[in-house]
PDB file of N, CA and C in Angstrom:
ATOM      1  N   UNK A   1      -6.098  -2.155   1.488  1.00  0.00           N
ATOM      2  CA  UNK A   1      -6.925  -2.989   0.646  1.00  0.00           C
ATOM      3  C   UNK A   1      -7.237  -4.273   1.407  1.00  0.00           C
ATOM      4  N   UNK A   2      -8.477  -4.631   1.462  1.00  0.00           N
ATOM      5  CA  UNK A   2      -8.848  -5.903   2.065  1.00  0.00           C
ATOM      6  C   UNK A   2      -9.206  -6.856   0.939  1.00  0.00           C
ATOM      7  N   UNK A   3      -8.436  -7.902   0.832  1.00  0.00           N
ATOM      8  CA  UNK A   3      -8.629  -8.906  -0.214  1.00  0.00           C
ATOM      9  C   UNK A   3      -8.907 -10.243   0.454  1.00  0.00           C
ATOM     10  N   UNK A   4      -9.264 -11.238  -0.361  1.00  0.00           N
ATOM     11  CA  UNK A   4      -9.543 -12.568   0.180  1.00  0.00           C
ATOM     12  C   UNK A   4      -8.345 -13.124   0.945  1.00  0.00           C
ATOM     13  N   UNK A   5      -7.129 -12.731   0.545  1.00  0.00           N
ATOM     14  CA  UNK A   5      -5.903 -13.208   1.191  1.00  0.00           C
ATOM     15  C   UNK A   5      -5.628 -12.482   2.500  1.00  0.00           C
ATOM     16  N   UNK A   6      -6.399 -11.457   2.816  1.00  0.00           N
ATOM     17  CA  UNK A   6      -6.176 -10.659   4.013  1.00  0.00           C
ATOM     18  C   UNK A   6      -5.797  -9.238   3.643  1.00  0.00           C
ATOM     19  N   UNK A   7      -5.562  -8.385   4.647  1.00  0.00           N
ATOM     20  CA  UNK A   7      -5.258  -6.974   4.353  1.00  0.00           C
ATOM     21  C   UNK A   7      -3.906  -6.825   3.643  1.00  0.00           C
ATOM     22  N   UNK A   8      -3.874  -5.927   2.675  1.00  0.00           N
ATOM     23  CA  UNK A   8      -2.675  -5.634   1.899  1.00  0.00           C
ATOM     24  C   UNK A   8      -2.524  -4.120   1.799  1.00  0.00           C
ATOM     25  N   UNK A   9      -1.280  -3.676   1.700  1.00  0.00           N
ATOM     26  CA  UNK A   9      -0.981  -2.274   1.439  1.00  0.00           C
ATOM     27  C   UNK A   9      -0.217  -2.234   0.130  1.00  0.00           C
ATOM     28  N   UNK A  10      -0.599  -1.316  -0.758  1.00  0.00           N
ATOM     29  CA  UNK A  10       0.100  -1.163  -2.034  1.00  0.00           C
ATOM     30  C   UNK A  10       1.279  -0.219  -1.834  1.00  0.00           C
ATOM     31  N   UNK A  11       2.468  -0.681  -2.237  1.00  0.00           N
ATOM     32  CA  UNK A  11       3.674   0.129  -2.145  1.00  0.00           C
ATOM     33  C   UNK A  11       4.368   0.141  -3.501  1.00  0.00           C
ATOM     34  N   UNK A  12       5.260   1.106  -3.688  1.00  0.00           N
ATOM     35  CA  UNK A  12       6.050   1.198  -4.922  1.00  0.00           C
ATOM     36  C   UNK A  12       7.372   0.493  -4.689  1.00  0.00           C
ATOM     37  N   UNK A  13       7.716  -0.403  -5.609  1.00  0.00           N
ATOM     38  CA  UNK A  13       8.995  -1.109  -5.555  1.00  0.00           C
ATOM     39  C   UNK A  13       9.658  -1.006  -6.912  1.00  0.00           C
ATOM     40  N   UNK A  14      10.955  -1.129  -6.924  1.00  0.00           N
ATOM     41  CA  UNK A  14      11.732  -1.131  -8.169  1.00  0.00           C
ATOM     42  C   UNK A  14      11.451   0.099  -9.024  1.00  0.00           C
ATOM     43  N   UNK A  15      11.228   1.231  -8.388  1.00  0.00           N
ATOM     44  CA  UNK A  15      11.066   2.490  -9.108  1.00  0.00           C
ATOM     45  C   UNK A  15       9.663   2.814  -9.554  1.00  0.00           C
ATOM     46  N   UNK A  16       8.951   1.846 -10.142  1.00  0.00           N
ATOM     47  CA  UNK A  16       7.613   2.157 -10.664  1.00  0.00           C
ATOM     48  C   UNK A  16       6.676   0.949 -10.733  1.00  0.00           C
ATOM     49  N   UNK A  17       6.900  -0.041  -9.897  1.00  0.00           N
ATOM     50  CA  UNK A  17       6.032  -1.226  -9.879  1.00  0.00           C
ATOM     51  C   UNK A  17       5.264  -1.291  -8.563  1.00  0.00           C
ATOM     52  N   UNK A  18       4.000  -1.650  -8.653  1.00  0.00           N
ATOM     53  CA  UNK A  18       3.173  -1.813  -7.461  1.00  0.00           C
ATOM     54  C   UNK A  18       3.440  -3.183  -6.851  1.00  0.00           C
ATOM     55  N   UNK A  19       3.516  -3.219  -5.543  1.00  0.00           N
ATOM     56  CA  UNK A  19       3.625  -4.474  -4.808  1.00  0.00           C
ATOM     57  C   UNK A  19       2.554  -4.467  -3.725  1.00  0.00           C
ATOM     58  N   UNK A  20       1.801  -5.541  -3.644  1.00  0.00           N
ATOM     59  CA  UNK A  20       0.762  -5.661  -2.626  1.00  0.00           C
ATOM     60  C   UNK A  20       1.352  -6.437  -1.454  1.00  0.00           C
ATOM     61  N   UNK A  21       1.622  -5.727  -0.372  1.00  0.00           N
ATOM     62  CA  UNK A  21       2.338  -6.273   0.772  1.00  0.00           C
ATOM     63  C   UNK A  21       1.343  -6.676   1.860  1.00  0.00           C
ATOM     64  N   UNK A  22       1.402  -7.939   2.330  1.00  0.00           N
ATOM     65  CA  UNK A  22       0.524  -8.329   3.439  1.00  0.00           C
ATOM     66  C   UNK A  22       0.930  -7.601   4.716  1.00  0.00           C
ATOM     67  N   UNK A  23      -0.052  -7.138   5.459  1.00  0.00           N
ATOM     68  CA  UNK A  23       0.205  -6.405   6.702  1.00  0.00           C
ATOM     69  C   UNK A  23      -0.677  -6.943   7.822  1.00  0.00           C
ATOM     70  N   UNK A  24      -0.241  -6.633   9.032  1.00  0.00           N
ATOM     71  CA  UNK A  24      -1.038  -6.932  10.222  1.00  0.00           C
ATOM     72  C   UNK A  24      -1.589  -5.611  10.742  1.00  0.00           C
ATOM     73  N   UNK A  25      -2.876  -5.596  10.992  1.00  0.00           N
ATOM     74  CA  UNK A  25      -3.562  -4.394  11.455  1.00  0.00           C
ATOM     75  C   UNK A  25      -3.656  -4.423  12.975  1.00  0.00           C
ATOM     76  N   UNK A  26      -3.330  -3.287  13.601  1.00  0.00           N
ATOM     77  CA  UNK A  26      -3.446  -3.138  15.056  1.00  0.00           C
ATOM     78  C   UNK A  26      -4.752  -2.447  15.393  1.00  0.00           C
ATOM     79  N   UNK A  27      -4.649  -1.249  15.921  1.00  0.00           N
ATOM     80  CA  UNK A  27      -5.843  -0.491  16.326  1.00  0.00           C
ATOM     81  C   UNK A  27      -6.550   0.114  15.119  1.00  0.00           C
ATOM     82  N   UNK A  28      -7.859   0.189  15.220  1.00  0.00           N
ATOM     83  CA  UNK A  28      -8.698   0.772  14.181  1.00  0.00           C
ATOM     84  C   UNK A  28      -9.218   2.112  14.696  1.00  0.00           C
ATOM     85  N   UNK A  29      -8.881   3.186  13.972  1.00  0.00           N
ATOM     86  CA  UNK A  29      -9.279   4.533  14.383  1.00  0.00           C
ATOM     87  C   UNK A  29     -10.422   5.082  13.526  1.00  0.00           C
ATOM     88  N   UNK A  30     -11.183   4.200  12.893  1.00  0.00           N
ATOM     89  CA  UNK A  30     -12.280   4.654  12.037  1.00  0.00           C
ATOM     90  C   UNK A  30     -11.821   4.806  10.607  1.00  0.00           C
ATOM     91  N   UNK A  31     -11.362   6.012  10.246  1.00  0.00           N
ATOM     92  CA  UNK A  31     -10.919   6.228   8.870  1.00  0.00           C
ATOM     93  C   UNK A  31      -9.421   5.961   8.706  1.00  0.00           C
ATOM     94  N   UNK A  32      -8.753   5.522   9.773  1.00  0.00           N
ATOM     95  CA  UNK A  32      -7.339   5.148   9.733  1.00  0.00           C
ATOM     96  C   UNK A  32      -7.142   3.887  10.573  1.00  0.00           C
ATOM     97  N   UNK A  33      -6.104   3.119  10.239  1.00  0.00           N
ATOM     98  CA  UNK A  33      -5.750   1.955  11.044  1.00  0.00           C
ATOM     99  C   UNK A  33      -4.254   1.974  11.323  1.00  0.00           C
ATOM    100  N   UNK A  34      -3.871   1.297  12.372  1.00  0.00           N
ATOM    101  CA  UNK A  34      -2.469   1.148  12.733  1.00  0.00           C
ATOM    102  C   UNK A  34      -1.940  -0.126  12.064  1.00  0.00           C
ATOM    103  N   UNK A  35      -0.844   0.003  11.312  1.00  0.00           N
ATOM    104  CA  UNK A  35      -0.187  -1.158  10.709  1.00  0.00           C
ATOM    105  C   UNK A  35       0.939  -1.556  11.656  1.00  0.00           C
ATOM    106  N   UNK A  36       0.843  -2.766  12.232  1.00  0.00           N
ATOM    107  CA  UNK A  36       1.829  -3.197  13.223  1.00  0.00           C
ATOM    108  C   UNK A  36       2.909  -4.087  12.629  1.00  0.00           C
ATOM    109  N   UNK A  37       2.694  -4.608  11.435  1.00  0.00           N
ATOM    110  CA  UNK A  37       3.692  -5.486  10.817  1.00  0.00           C
ATOM    111  C   UNK A  37       3.500  -5.503   9.304  1.00  0.00           C
ATOM    112  N   UNK A  38       4.604  -5.529   8.582  1.00  0.00           N
ATOM    113  CA  UNK A  38       4.536  -5.721   7.135  1.00  0.00           C
ATOM    114  C   UNK A  38       5.167  -4.606   6.325  1.00  0.00           C
ATOM    115  N   UNK A  39       5.218  -3.384   6.866  1.00  0.00           N
ATOM    116  CA  UNK A  39       5.816  -2.272   6.130  1.00  0.00           C
ATOM    117  C   UNK A  39       7.214  -1.978   6.647  1.00  0.00           C
ATOM    118  N   UNK A  40       8.114  -1.696   5.729  1.00  0.00           N
ATOM    119  CA  UNK A  40       9.480  -1.312   6.088  1.00  0.00           C
ATOM    120  C   UNK A  40       9.538   0.198   6.277  1.00  0.00           C
ATOM    121  N   UNK A  41      10.460   0.676   7.115  1.00  0.00           N
ATOM    122  CA  UNK A  41      10.629   2.129   7.233  1.00  0.00           C
ATOM    123  C   UNK A  41      10.966   2.723   5.867  1.00  0.00           C
ATOM    124  N   UNK A  42      10.341   3.835   5.551  1.00  0.00           N
ATOM    125  CA  UNK A  42      10.590   4.492   4.268  1.00  0.00           C
ATOM    126  C   UNK A  42       9.810   3.916   3.100  1.00  0.00           C
ATOM    127  N   UNK A  43       8.917   2.959   3.357  1.00  0.00           N
ATOM    128  CA  UNK A  43       8.113   2.383   2.271  1.00  0.00           C
ATOM    129  C   UNK A  43       7.310   3.487   1.585  1.00  0.00           C
ATOM    130  N   UNK A  44       7.236   3.422   0.266  1.00  0.00           N
ATOM    131  CA  UNK A  44       6.474   4.407  -0.511  1.00  0.00           C
ATOM    132  C   UNK A  44       5.062   3.846  -0.729  1.00  0.00           C
ATOM    133  N   UNK A  45       4.156   4.210   0.165  1.00  0.00           N
ATOM    134  CA  UNK A  45       2.785   3.695   0.154  1.00  0.00           C
ATOM    135  C   UNK A  45       1.968   4.410  -0.914  1.00  0.00           C
ATOM    136  N   UNK A  46       1.187   3.643  -1.661  1.00  0.00           N
ATOM    137  CA  UNK A  46       0.303   4.203  -2.678  1.00  0.00           C
ATOM    138  C   UNK A  46      -0.996   4.602  -1.983  1.00  0.00           C
ATOM    139  N   UNK A  47      -1.313   5.886  -2.025  1.00  0.00           N
ATOM    140  CA  UNK A  47      -2.494   6.429  -1.362  1.00  0.00           C
ATOM    141  C   UNK A  47      -3.742   6.140  -2.186  1.00  0.00           C
ATOM    142  N   UNK A  48      -4.720   5.510  -1.593  1.00  0.00           N
ATOM    143  CA  UNK A  48      -6.020   5.208  -2.211  1.00  0.00           C
ATOM    144  C   UNK A  48      -5.886   4.463  -3.548  1.00  0.00           C
ATOM    145  N   UNK A  49      -5.242   3.299  -3.558  1.00  0.00           N
ATOM    146  CA  UNK A  49      -5.124   2.553  -4.813  1.00  0.00           C
ATOM    147  C   UNK A  49      -6.481   2.005  -5.241  1.00  0.00           C
ATOM    148  N   UNK A  50      -6.700   1.862  -6.547  1.00  0.00           N
ATOM    149  CA  UNK A  50      -7.963   1.278  -7.001  1.00  0.00           C
ATOM    150  C   UNK A  50      -7.999  -0.220  -6.678  1.00  0.00           C
ATOM    151  N   UNK A  51      -9.183  -0.777  -6.526  1.00  0.00           N
ATOM    152  CA  UNK A  51      -9.326  -2.210  -6.253  1.00  0.00           C
ATOM    153  C   UNK A  51      -8.768  -3.060  -7.392  1.00  0.00           C
ATOM    154  N   UNK A  52      -8.670  -2.480  -8.574  1.00  0.00           N
ATOM    155  CA  UNK A  52      -8.189  -3.216  -9.740  1.00  0.00           C
ATOM    156  C   UNK A  52      -6.663  -3.272  -9.830  1.00  0.00           C
ATOM    157  N   UNK A  53      -5.938  -2.614  -8.908  1.00  0.00           N
ATOM    158  CA  UNK A  53      -4.477  -2.603  -8.940  1.00  0.00           C
ATOM    159  C   UNK A  53      -3.940  -4.010  -8.747  1.00  0.00           C
ATOM    160  N   UNK A  54      -3.007  -4.397  -9.615  1.00  0.00           N
ATOM    161  CA  UNK A  54      -2.420  -5.735  -9.566  1.00  0.00           C
ATOM    162  C   UNK A  54      -0.979  -5.677  -9.097  1.00  0.00           C
ATOM    163  N   UNK A  55      -0.541  -6.740  -8.434  1.00  0.00           N
ATOM    164  CA  UNK A  55       0.838  -6.858  -8.012  1.00  0.00           C
ATOM    165  C   UNK A  55       1.737  -6.852  -9.248  1.00  0.00           C
ATOM    166  N   UNK A  56       2.758  -5.997  -9.265  1.00  0.00           N
ATOM    167  CA  UNK A  56       3.670  -5.905 -10.393  1.00  0.00           C
ATOM    168  C   UNK A  56       3.252  -4.916 -11.465  1.00  0.00           C
ATOM    169  N   UNK A  57       2.077  -4.336 -11.328  1.00  0.00           N
ATOM    170  CA  UNK A  57       1.586  -3.376 -12.318  1.00  0.00           C
ATOM    171  C   UNK A  57       2.433  -2.107 -12.279  1.00  0.00           C
ATOM    172  N   UNK A  58       2.714  -1.543 -13.442  1.00  0.00           N
ATOM    173  CA  UNK A  58       3.458  -0.299 -13.514  1.00  0.00           C
ATOM    174  C   UNK A  58       2.578   0.847 -13.015  1.00  0.00           C
ATOM    175  N   UNK A  59       3.166   1.700 -12.179  1.00  0.00           N
ATOM    176  CA  UNK A  59       2.453   2.867 -11.659  1.00  0.00           C
ATOM    177  C   UNK A  59       3.212   4.123 -12.038  1.00  0.00           C
ATOM    178  N   UNK A  60       2.499   5.219 -12.102  1.00  0.00           N
ATOM    179  CA  UNK A  60       3.096   6.501 -12.429  1.00  0.00           C
ATOM    180  C   UNK A  60       3.232   7.298 -11.145  1.00  0.00           C
ATOM    181  N   UNK A  61       4.421   7.807 -10.891  1.00  0.00           N
ATOM    182  CA  UNK A  61       4.691   8.559  -9.684  1.00  0.00           C
ATOM    183  C   UNK A  61       4.441  10.042  -9.935  1.00  0.00           C
ATOM    184  N   UNK A  62       3.551  10.626  -9.131  1.00  0.00           N
ATOM    185  CA  UNK A  62       3.254  12.053  -9.269  1.00  0.00           C
ATOM    186  C   UNK A  62       4.331  12.862  -8.574  1.00  0.00           C
ATOM    187  N   UNK A  63       4.640  14.008  -9.116  1.00  0.00           N
ATOM    188  CA  UNK A  63       5.593  14.909  -8.479  1.00  0.00           C
ATOM    189  C   UNK A  63       4.904  15.587  -7.306  1.00  0.00           C
ATOM    190  N   UNK A  64       5.618  15.798  -6.194  1.00  0.00           N
ATOM    191  CA  UNK A  64       4.994  16.463  -5.044  1.00  0.00           C
ATOM    192  C   UNK A  64       4.557  17.879  -5.391  1.00  0.00           C
ATOM    193  N   UNK A  65       3.460  18.287  -4.794  1.00  0.00           N
ATOM    194  CA  UNK A  65       2.971  19.662  -4.989  1.00  0.00           C
ATOM    195  C   UNK A  65       3.938  20.626  -4.314  1.00  0.00           C
ATOM    196  N   UNK A  66       4.107  21.791  -4.896  1.00  0.00           N
ATOM    197  CA  UNK A  66       5.021  22.798  -4.317  1.00  0.00           C
ATOM    198  C   UNK A  66       4.299  23.689  -3.348  1.00  0.00           C
TER     199      UNK A  66
END
């Protein structure tokens, strides 16, 4: 997500809350970018979050497809 504050990645924290984490972007591969700073190993990244997602908003976790 690119916001006025700079690039952010939405992650799940505290079980079901969205957190917008500031990140540093490295290389740009077109439809993907390299995140060089800001994410912890094992972070649960929210794939394609809506622009309306707010920090602290409750999110629903989908079960993995079998």
